[in-house]
Protein backbone atom coordinates (compact mmCIF):
# COMPACT_ATOMS: atom_id res chain seq x y z
CA GLN A 1 -14.59 -69.39 12.05
CA PHE A 2 -12.47 -66.77 13.88
CA LYS A 3 -9.73 -69.17 15.03
CA VAL A 4 -9.59 -67.56 18.48
CA PRO A 5 -8.48 -70.01 21.19
CA VAL A 6 -10.62 -70.47 24.29
CA LYS A 7 -8.54 -69.57 27.36
CA TYR A 8 -11.18 -69.35 30.09
CA ILE A 9 -14.64 -70.75 30.66
CA GLY A 10 -17.29 -69.21 32.88
CA ILE A 11 -19.26 -71.39 35.27
CA GLY A 12 -21.24 -68.51 36.75
CA GLU A 13 -21.72 -64.77 36.57
CA ARG A 14 -18.87 -63.42 38.70
CA MET A 15 -15.17 -63.00 37.93
CA GLU A 16 -14.45 -65.70 40.52
CA ASP A 17 -16.44 -68.13 38.36
CA LEU A 18 -13.91 -68.03 35.51
CA GLN A 19 -11.71 -71.09 35.17
CA VAL A 20 -8.84 -71.93 32.86
CA PHE A 21 -10.30 -73.92 29.98
CA ASN A 22 -8.86 -77.41 29.61
CA ARG A 23 -10.14 -78.96 26.40
CA MET A 24 -9.38 -82.55 27.45
CA GLU A 25 -11.29 -82.17 30.73
CA PHE A 26 -14.17 -80.59 28.83
CA VAL A 27 -14.38 -83.45 26.31
CA ASP A 28 -14.07 -86.04 29.09
CA SER A 29 -16.92 -84.40 31.00
CA LEU A 30 -19.17 -84.70 27.94
CA PHE A 31 -18.65 -88.45 27.61
CA ASN A 32 -18.20 -89.56 31.24
CA GLN A 33 -21.75 -89.98 32.46
């Protein structure tokens, strides 16, 4: 809707928990079970 790219993804609550968002790794993690 806003066409804003995702640059980082949070895996926790602290600043240290931010990671660079990799869309291919994200999609792979959804389907590799």
